[in-house]
């Protein structure tokens, strides 16, 4: 994967990483065990309110590209099998990760327990078969009055 043109802005907040999985796959995801992932487009919502801020997105891209072999979070097990398609970011210090994820989940298929071991959400990974629809759902979920939202499409070659 080649991603030299991707610039992730500085800042902190909540992000939803958009991914493409080209074929059905069974992947062992840490303590969750084996999960069957249907081919399609996925949105993974996470928090980047800590010290590294939106730099966490660069880490995800490095895991997807095979430049970072660390497997710490659920998403780390899925990323190497996907093509990152874009990211939607909301700059905030508010804890809106679960609210945004639940909004996305109300319009898509939720992968149960994925990415939600530290909260009571059903999951923070969502599947949609149509990329354009997923982008609309995710950008709408991040459309919170008074907060800055940014969508960055990726032009990644595999």
N, C-alpha and C. Protein backbone atom coordinates (compact mmCIF):
# COMPACT_ATOMS: atom_id res chain seq x y z
N UNK A 1 0.85 -1.18 0.00
CA UNK A 1 0.00 0.00 0.00
C UNK A 1 0.89 1.23 0.00
N UNK A 2 0.51 2.23 -0.77
CA UNK A 2 1.28 3.46 -0.88
C UNK A 2 0.38 4.62 -0.49
N UNK A 3 0.76 5.37 0.55
CA UNK A 3 -0.09 6.47 1.01
C UNK A 3 0.68 7.76 1.29
N UNK A 4 1.60 8.16 0.41
CA UNK A 4 2.42 9.34 0.71
C UNK A 4 1.66 10.66 0.68
N UNK A 5 0.51 10.73 0.03
CA UNK A 5 -0.20 11.99 -0.13
C UNK A 5 -1.21 12.26 0.99
N UNK A 6 -1.28 11.39 1.97
CA UNK A 6 -2.27 11.55 3.03
C UNK A 6 -1.70 12.41 4.15
N UNK A 7 -2.35 13.53 4.40
CA UNK A 7 -1.97 14.40 5.50
C UNK A 7 -3.09 14.38 6.53
N UNK A 8 -2.75 13.97 7.74
CA UNK A 8 -3.73 13.94 8.83
C UNK A 8 -3.54 15.22 9.64
N UNK A 9 -4.58 16.04 9.77
CA UNK A 9 -4.44 17.28 10.53
C UNK A 9 -4.15 17.02 12.00
N UNK A 10 -3.50 17.98 12.63
CA UNK A 10 -3.28 17.89 14.07
C UNK A 10 -4.59 18.19 14.77
N UNK A 11 -4.68 17.78 15.99
CA UNK A 11 -5.87 18.03 16.78
C UNK A 11 -6.31 16.78 17.49
N UNK A 12 -7.41 16.90 18.20
CA UNK A 12 -7.97 15.79 18.98
C UNK A 12 -9.47 15.73 18.76
N UNK A 13 -10.01 14.53 18.95
CA UNK A 13 -11.44 14.40 18.81
C UNK A 13 -11.86 12.98 18.57
N UNK A 14 -12.88 12.81 17.75
CA UNK A 14 -13.46 11.52 17.41
C UNK A 14 -13.31 11.32 15.91
N UNK A 15 -13.02 10.08 15.52
CA UNK A 15 -12.84 9.79 14.09
C UNK A 15 -13.59 8.52 13.72
N UNK A 16 -13.94 8.44 12.46
CA UNK A 16 -14.49 7.20 11.88
C UNK A 16 -13.66 6.89 10.65
N UNK A 17 -12.96 5.78 10.72
CA UNK A 17 -12.10 5.31 9.63
C UNK A 17 -12.95 4.46 8.69
N UNK A 18 -12.90 4.75 7.40
CA UNK A 18 -13.68 4.04 6.39
C UNK A 18 -12.76 3.05 5.68
N UNK A 19 -13.19 1.80 5.60
CA UNK A 19 -12.36 0.71 5.10
C UNK A 19 -13.13 -0.13 4.09
N UNK A 20 -12.40 -0.73 3.16
CA UNK A 20 -12.99 -1.68 2.23
C UNK A 20 -12.38 -3.05 2.47
N UNK A 21 -13.25 -4.05 2.59
CA UNK A 21 -12.82 -5.45 2.65
C UNK A 21 -13.34 -6.10 1.37
N UNK A 22 -12.42 -6.52 0.52
CA UNK A 22 -12.78 -6.98 -0.83
C UNK A 22 -13.46 -8.35 -0.86
N UNK A 23 -13.15 -9.22 0.12
CA UNK A 23 -13.76 -10.56 0.11
C UNK A 23 -14.10 -10.99 1.52
N UNK A 24 -15.05 -11.91 1.64
CA UNK A 24 -15.41 -12.46 2.94
C UNK A 24 -14.16 -13.07 3.58
N UNK A 25 -14.00 -12.84 4.88
CA UNK A 25 -12.84 -13.38 5.59
C UNK A 25 -13.22 -13.76 7.01
N UNK A 26 -12.59 -14.81 7.52
CA UNK A 26 -12.64 -15.16 8.93
C UNK A 26 -11.31 -14.72 9.53
N UNK A 27 -11.36 -13.87 10.55
CA UNK A 27 -10.15 -13.31 11.15
C UNK A 27 -10.24 -13.50 12.65
N UNK A 28 -9.16 -13.96 13.25
CA UNK A 28 -9.08 -14.05 14.71
C UNK A 28 -8.75 -12.67 15.25
N UNK A 29 -9.63 -12.17 16.11
CA UNK A 29 -9.52 -10.81 16.65
C UNK A 29 -9.27 -10.89 18.16
N UNK A 30 -8.01 -11.04 18.53
CA UNK A 30 -7.63 -11.05 19.95
C UNK A 30 -8.56 -11.92 20.78
N UNK A 31 -8.99 -11.39 21.92
CA UNK A 31 -9.84 -12.13 22.86
C UNK A 31 -11.24 -12.39 22.31
N UNK A 32 -11.65 -11.69 21.26
CA UNK A 32 -12.97 -11.92 20.67
C UNK A 32 -13.02 -13.24 19.92
N UNK A 33 -11.86 -13.74 19.53
CA UNK A 33 -11.80 -14.99 18.77
C UNK A 33 -12.05 -14.76 17.30
N UNK A 34 -12.49 -15.81 16.63
CA UNK A 34 -12.69 -15.74 15.18
C UNK A 34 -14.02 -15.06 14.85
N UNK A 35 -13.94 -14.12 13.91
CA UNK A 35 -15.12 -13.38 13.45
C UNK A 35 -15.17 -13.48 11.93
N UNK A 36 -16.38 -13.74 11.42
CA UNK A 36 -16.58 -13.75 9.97
C UNK A 36 -16.95 -12.34 9.53
N UNK A 37 -16.11 -11.77 8.67
CA UNK A 37 -16.33 -10.44 8.14
C UNK A 37 -16.78 -10.56 6.69
N UNK A 38 -18.02 -10.18 6.37
CA UNK A 38 -18.46 -10.18 4.97
C UNK A 38 -17.73 -9.08 4.19
N UNK A 39 -17.56 -9.30 2.91
CA UNK A 39 -16.99 -8.26 2.05
C UNK A 39 -17.90 -7.04 2.10
N UNK A 40 -17.30 -5.86 2.00
CA UNK A 40 -18.08 -4.63 2.01
C UNK A 40 -17.27 -3.47 2.54
N UNK A 41 -17.98 -2.45 2.95
CA UNK A 41 -17.36 -1.23 3.45
C UNK A 41 -17.65 -1.10 4.94
N UNK A 42 -16.63 -0.74 5.68
CA UNK A 42 -16.73 -0.68 7.13
C UNK A 42 -16.39 0.72 7.63
N UNK A 43 -17.03 1.07 8.73
CA UNK A 43 -16.70 2.28 9.47
C UNK A 43 -16.30 1.87 10.87
N UNK A 44 -15.11 2.28 11.29
CA UNK A 44 -14.65 2.03 12.65
C UNK A 44 -14.54 3.38 13.36
N UNK A 45 -15.27 3.55 14.45
CA UNK A 45 -15.27 4.81 15.18
C UNK A 45 -14.45 4.69 16.45
N UNK A 46 -13.55 5.65 16.63
CA UNK A 46 -12.67 5.64 17.79
C UNK A 46 -12.44 7.03 18.33
N UNK A 47 -11.77 7.08 19.48
CA UNK A 47 -11.45 8.34 20.12
C UNK A 47 -9.98 8.67 19.89
N UNK A 48 -9.73 9.92 19.57
CA UNK A 48 -8.37 10.44 19.44
C UNK A 48 -8.26 11.68 20.33
N UNK A 49 -8.76 11.56 21.55
CA UNK A 49 -8.74 12.68 22.48
C UNK A 49 -7.53 12.63 23.40
N UNK A 50 -6.74 11.55 23.31
CA UNK A 50 -5.56 11.41 24.16
C UNK A 50 -4.37 12.17 23.62
N UNK A 51 -3.22 11.88 24.19
CA UNK A 51 -1.99 12.60 23.90
C UNK A 51 -1.60 12.65 22.43
N UNK A 52 -1.79 11.58 21.69
CA UNK A 52 -1.40 11.55 20.28
C UNK A 52 -2.42 12.18 19.35
N UNK A 53 -3.60 12.43 19.86
CA UNK A 53 -4.65 13.05 19.06
C UNK A 53 -4.93 12.28 17.78
N UNK A 54 -5.18 13.02 16.70
CA UNK A 54 -5.50 12.40 15.42
C UNK A 54 -4.31 11.64 14.82
N UNK A 55 -3.15 11.70 15.47
CA UNK A 55 -2.02 10.88 15.06
C UNK A 55 -2.34 9.40 15.11
N UNK A 56 -3.35 9.04 15.88
CA UNK A 56 -3.79 7.64 15.95
C UNK A 56 -4.21 7.13 14.56
N UNK A 57 -4.74 8.02 13.74
CA UNK A 57 -5.16 7.63 12.39
C UNK A 57 -3.95 7.19 11.57
N UNK A 58 -2.85 7.93 11.69
CA UNK A 58 -1.61 7.54 10.99
C UNK A 58 -1.17 6.15 11.46
N UNK A 59 -1.29 5.86 12.75
CA UNK A 59 -0.94 4.54 13.26
C UNK A 59 -1.80 3.47 12.58
N UNK A 60 -3.12 3.73 12.46
CA UNK A 60 -4.01 2.78 11.80
C UNK A 60 -3.56 2.54 10.36
N UNK A 61 -3.19 3.60 9.66
CA UNK A 61 -2.74 3.46 8.28
C UNK A 61 -1.45 2.64 8.21
N UNK A 62 -0.56 2.82 9.18
CA UNK A 62 0.68 2.05 9.22
C UNK A 62 0.40 0.57 9.48
N UNK A 63 -0.57 0.26 10.33
CA UNK A 63 -0.94 -1.14 10.57
C UNK A 63 -1.53 -1.73 9.29
N UNK A 64 -2.41 -0.98 8.63
CA UNK A 64 -3.03 -1.46 7.39
C UNK A 64 -1.98 -1.73 6.31
N UNK A 65 -0.93 -0.91 6.28
CA UNK A 65 0.11 -1.04 5.26
C UNK A 65 1.18 -2.07 5.62
N UNK A 66 1.11 -2.63 6.83
CA UNK A 66 2.11 -3.60 7.25
C UNK A 66 3.37 -2.97 7.82
N UNK A 67 3.37 -1.67 8.03
CA UNK A 67 4.54 -0.98 8.59
C UNK A 67 4.57 -1.03 10.11
N UNK A 68 3.47 -1.43 10.73
CA UNK A 68 3.39 -1.55 12.18
C UNK A 68 2.76 -2.90 12.50
N UNK A 69 3.54 -3.84 13.05
CA UNK A 69 3.03 -5.18 13.32
C UNK A 69 2.29 -5.32 14.65
N UNK A 70 2.21 -4.25 15.44
CA UNK A 70 1.59 -4.32 16.76
C UNK A 70 0.09 -4.58 16.64
N UNK A 71 -0.39 -5.49 17.48
CA UNK A 71 -1.82 -5.79 17.54
C UNK A 71 -2.29 -5.52 18.96
N UNK A 72 -2.80 -4.30 19.18
CA UNK A 72 -3.21 -3.88 20.52
C UNK A 72 -4.73 -3.79 20.64
N UNK A 73 -5.37 -3.24 19.62
CA UNK A 73 -6.81 -3.04 19.63
C UNK A 73 -7.47 -3.97 18.61
N UNK A 74 -8.77 -4.17 18.76
CA UNK A 74 -9.50 -5.03 17.84
C UNK A 74 -9.25 -4.64 16.38
N UNK A 75 -9.27 -3.35 16.10
CA UNK A 75 -9.13 -2.88 14.72
C UNK A 75 -7.79 -3.29 14.12
N UNK A 76 -6.77 -3.48 14.94
CA UNK A 76 -5.45 -3.86 14.44
C UNK A 76 -5.46 -5.21 13.73
N UNK A 77 -6.38 -6.07 14.08
CA UNK A 77 -6.47 -7.40 13.47
C UNK A 77 -7.16 -7.35 12.10
N UNK A 78 -8.06 -6.41 11.93
CA UNK A 78 -8.79 -6.26 10.67
C UNK A 78 -8.03 -5.42 9.65
N UNK A 79 -7.36 -4.38 10.10
CA UNK A 79 -6.72 -3.41 9.19
C UNK A 79 -5.85 -4.01 8.10
N UNK A 80 -4.98 -5.00 8.40
CA UNK A 80 -4.10 -5.51 7.33
C UNK A 80 -4.84 -6.17 6.16
N UNK A 81 -6.12 -6.45 6.34
CA UNK A 81 -6.91 -7.12 5.31
C UNK A 81 -7.78 -6.13 4.53
N UNK A 82 -7.66 -4.86 4.85
CA UNK A 82 -8.55 -3.84 4.27
C UNK A 82 -7.78 -2.81 3.45
N UNK A 83 -8.54 -2.02 2.71
CA UNK A 83 -8.01 -0.85 2.02
C UNK A 83 -8.66 0.37 2.68
N UNK A 84 -7.89 1.20 3.35
CA UNK A 84 -8.45 2.43 3.92
C UNK A 84 -8.98 3.35 2.81
N UNK A 85 -10.21 3.81 2.96
CA UNK A 85 -10.85 4.64 1.93
C UNK A 85 -10.99 6.10 2.33
N UNK A 86 -10.94 6.38 3.63
CA UNK A 86 -11.08 7.76 4.09
C UNK A 86 -11.30 7.81 5.58
N UNK A 87 -11.41 9.01 6.09
CA UNK A 87 -11.67 9.20 7.52
C UNK A 87 -12.51 10.46 7.69
N UNK A 88 -13.44 10.39 8.63
CA UNK A 88 -14.23 11.55 9.04
C UNK A 88 -13.80 11.86 10.47
N UNK A 89 -13.44 13.12 10.72
CA UNK A 89 -12.95 13.52 12.03
C UNK A 89 -13.78 14.69 12.56
N UNK A 90 -14.08 14.64 13.84
CA UNK A 90 -14.73 15.75 14.53
C UNK A 90 -13.78 16.23 15.61
N UNK A 91 -13.39 17.49 15.53
CA UNK A 91 -12.50 18.07 16.52
C UNK A 91 -13.32 18.44 17.75
N UNK A 92 -12.97 17.80 18.89
CA UNK A 92 -13.71 18.04 20.13
C UNK A 92 -12.95 17.48 21.31
N UNK A 93 -13.24 18.02 22.49
CA UNK A 93 -12.73 17.41 23.71
C UNK A 93 -13.85 16.65 24.42
N UNK A 94 -15.04 16.64 23.80
CA UNK A 94 -16.19 15.94 24.37
C UNK A 94 -16.12 14.44 24.05
N UNK A 95 -16.64 13.63 24.93
CA UNK A 95 -16.65 12.18 24.75
C UNK A 95 -17.87 11.80 23.90
N UNK A 96 -17.72 11.90 22.58
CA UNK A 96 -18.83 11.65 21.65
C UNK A 96 -18.66 10.36 20.86
N UNK A 97 -17.64 9.59 21.18
CA UNK A 97 -17.35 8.36 20.42
C UNK A 97 -18.55 7.43 20.38
N UNK A 98 -19.15 7.15 21.52
CA UNK A 98 -20.28 6.21 21.57
C UNK A 98 -21.52 6.79 20.88
N UNK A 99 -21.77 8.07 21.06
CA UNK A 99 -22.92 8.71 20.42
C UNK A 99 -22.80 8.62 18.90
N UNK A 100 -21.63 8.93 18.36
CA UNK A 100 -21.41 8.88 16.92
C UNK A 100 -21.51 7.44 16.43
N UNK A 101 -20.88 6.51 17.15
CA UNK A 101 -20.91 5.10 16.74
C UNK A 101 -22.34 4.55 16.75
N UNK A 102 -23.10 4.88 17.78
CA UNK A 102 -24.49 4.40 17.86
C UNK A 102 -25.34 4.97 16.73
N UNK A 103 -25.10 6.22 16.37
CA UNK A 103 -25.83 6.82 15.25
C UNK A 103 -25.52 6.08 13.95
N UNK A 104 -24.25 5.80 13.71
CA UNK A 104 -23.86 5.04 12.52
C UNK A 104 -24.51 3.65 12.56
N UNK A 105 -24.47 3.02 13.73
CA UNK A 105 -25.04 1.68 13.89
C UNK A 105 -26.54 1.61 13.67
N UNK A 106 -27.23 2.72 13.87
CA UNK A 106 -28.69 2.71 13.66
C UNK A 106 -29.06 2.65 12.19
N UNK A 107 -28.07 2.81 11.29
CA UNK A 107 -28.32 2.79 9.85
C UNK A 107 -27.52 1.70 9.12
N UNK A 108 -26.73 0.93 9.86
CA UNK A 108 -25.85 -0.08 9.26
C UNK A 108 -25.89 -1.35 10.10
N UNK A 109 -25.12 -2.33 9.68
CA UNK A 109 -24.99 -3.58 10.45
C UNK A 109 -23.79 -3.44 11.40
N UNK A 110 -24.03 -3.66 12.68
CA UNK A 110 -22.97 -3.54 13.69
C UNK A 110 -22.30 -4.88 13.90
N UNK A 111 -20.97 -4.86 13.96
CA UNK A 111 -20.20 -6.06 14.30
C UNK A 111 -20.12 -6.09 15.83
N UNK A 112 -20.84 -7.03 16.42
CA UNK A 112 -21.02 -7.07 17.87
C UNK A 112 -19.71 -7.21 18.63
N UNK A 113 -19.56 -6.37 19.66
CA UNK A 113 -18.45 -6.37 20.63
C UNK A 113 -17.15 -5.83 20.05
N UNK A 114 -17.09 -5.55 18.75
CA UNK A 114 -15.86 -5.09 18.11
C UNK A 114 -15.60 -3.63 18.47
N UNK A 115 -14.48 -3.39 19.13
CA UNK A 115 -14.08 -2.03 19.46
C UNK A 115 -14.81 -1.41 20.63
N UNK A 116 -15.58 -2.21 21.35
CA UNK A 116 -16.39 -1.65 22.44
C UNK A 116 -16.14 -2.34 23.78
N UNK A 117 -14.93 -2.84 23.98
CA UNK A 117 -14.64 -3.53 25.24
C UNK A 117 -14.55 -2.57 26.42
N UNK A 118 -14.43 -1.27 26.16
CA UNK A 118 -14.32 -0.29 27.24
C UNK A 118 -15.59 0.55 27.41
N UNK A 119 -16.70 0.09 26.80
CA UNK A 119 -17.96 0.82 26.94
C UNK A 119 -19.11 -0.18 26.83
N UNK A 120 -20.34 0.32 26.88
CA UNK A 120 -21.50 -0.57 26.83
C UNK A 120 -22.15 -0.61 25.44
N UNK A 121 -21.48 -0.08 24.44
CA UNK A 121 -22.02 -0.09 23.07
C UNK A 121 -22.06 -1.51 22.52
N UNK A 122 -22.94 -1.73 21.55
CA UNK A 122 -23.01 -3.02 20.87
C UNK A 122 -21.71 -3.26 20.12
N UNK A 123 -21.15 -2.24 19.50
CA UNK A 123 -19.89 -2.34 18.77
C UNK A 123 -19.57 -1.02 18.11
N UNK A 124 -18.30 -0.85 17.74
CA UNK A 124 -17.86 0.38 17.09
C UNK A 124 -17.43 0.16 15.64
N UNK A 125 -17.70 -1.04 15.13
CA UNK A 125 -17.41 -1.35 13.73
C UNK A 125 -18.74 -1.63 13.03
N UNK A 126 -18.94 -0.98 11.88
CA UNK A 126 -20.22 -1.08 11.18
C UNK A 126 -20.00 -1.40 9.71
N UNK A 127 -20.88 -2.23 9.18
CA UNK A 127 -20.80 -2.71 7.80
C UNK A 127 -21.92 -2.10 6.97
N UNK A 128 -21.54 -1.69 5.76
CA UNK A 128 -22.50 -1.21 4.77
C UNK A 128 -22.02 -1.71 3.42
N UNK A 129 -22.93 -2.11 2.54
CA UNK A 129 -22.55 -2.66 1.22
C UNK A 129 -22.25 -1.58 0.19
N UNK A 130 -22.72 -0.34 0.45
CA UNK A 130 -22.56 0.74 -0.52
C UNK A 130 -21.68 1.85 0.08
N UNK A 131 -20.57 2.14 -0.56
CA UNK A 131 -19.62 3.11 -0.02
C UNK A 131 -20.21 4.52 0.05
N UNK A 132 -20.90 4.95 -0.97
CA UNK A 132 -21.46 6.30 -0.96
C UNK A 132 -22.47 6.46 0.18
N UNK A 133 -23.27 5.44 0.39
CA UNK A 133 -24.24 5.49 1.49
C UNK A 133 -23.51 5.54 2.83
N UNK A 134 -22.45 4.75 2.98
CA UNK A 134 -21.69 4.76 4.24
C UNK A 134 -21.08 6.13 4.50
N UNK A 135 -20.53 6.76 3.47
CA UNK A 135 -19.95 8.10 3.65
C UNK A 135 -21.03 9.07 4.14
N UNK A 136 -22.22 9.02 3.55
CA UNK A 136 -23.32 9.90 3.98
C UNK A 136 -23.70 9.64 5.44
N UNK A 137 -23.84 8.36 5.79
CA UNK A 137 -24.23 7.99 7.16
C UNK A 137 -23.19 8.49 8.17
N UNK A 138 -21.92 8.26 7.85
CA UNK A 138 -20.85 8.63 8.79
C UNK A 138 -20.71 10.15 8.89
N UNK A 139 -20.72 10.84 7.77
CA UNK A 139 -20.59 12.31 7.84
C UNK A 139 -21.80 12.92 8.56
N UNK A 140 -22.98 12.37 8.35
CA UNK A 140 -24.16 12.86 9.07
C UNK A 140 -24.02 12.61 10.58
N UNK A 141 -23.48 11.45 10.96
CA UNK A 141 -23.31 11.13 12.38
C UNK A 141 -22.31 12.07 13.05
N UNK A 142 -21.35 12.55 12.28
CA UNK A 142 -20.35 13.48 12.81
C UNK A 142 -20.81 14.93 12.75
N UNK A 143 -21.98 15.17 12.17
CA UNK A 143 -22.49 16.53 12.01
C UNK A 143 -23.15 16.99 13.31
N UNK A 144 -22.31 17.47 14.24
CA UNK A 144 -22.77 17.88 15.55
C UNK A 144 -22.64 19.39 15.64
N UNK A 145 -23.73 20.06 15.97
CA UNK A 145 -23.77 21.52 15.97
C UNK A 145 -22.61 22.12 16.76
N UNK A 146 -21.93 23.06 16.12
CA UNK A 146 -20.88 23.81 16.79
C UNK A 146 -19.50 23.16 16.74
N UNK A 147 -19.39 21.96 16.18
CA UNK A 147 -18.11 21.27 16.13
C UNK A 147 -17.60 21.19 14.70
N UNK A 148 -16.29 21.26 14.54
CA UNK A 148 -15.67 21.19 13.23
C UNK A 148 -15.57 19.74 12.78
N UNK A 149 -16.03 19.47 11.56
CA UNK A 149 -16.00 18.13 10.98
C UNK A 149 -15.17 18.20 9.70
N UNK A 150 -14.40 17.13 9.44
CA UNK A 150 -13.55 17.09 8.26
C UNK A 150 -13.61 15.69 7.66
N UNK A 151 -13.82 15.59 6.35
CA UNK A 151 -13.77 14.30 5.66
C UNK A 151 -12.56 14.30 4.75
N UNK A 152 -11.70 13.30 4.93
CA UNK A 152 -10.51 13.17 4.09
C UNK A 152 -10.59 11.85 3.33
N UNK A 153 -10.85 11.89 2.01
CA UNK A 153 -10.82 10.65 1.23
C UNK A 153 -9.37 10.26 0.98
N UNK A 154 -9.09 8.97 0.96
CA UNK A 154 -7.75 8.48 0.71
C UNK A 154 -7.68 7.99 -0.74
N UNK A 155 -6.56 8.24 -1.38
CA UNK A 155 -6.30 7.72 -2.71
C UNK A 155 -5.14 6.74 -2.58
N UNK A 156 -5.45 5.58 -2.00
CA UNK A 156 -4.41 4.60 -1.68
C UNK A 156 -4.37 3.54 -2.77
N UNK A 157 -3.18 3.22 -3.21
CA UNK A 157 -2.99 2.21 -4.22
C UNK A 157 -2.45 0.95 -3.57
N UNK A 158 -3.03 -0.19 -3.92
CA UNK A 158 -2.57 -1.48 -3.37
C UNK A 158 -1.96 -2.32 -4.46
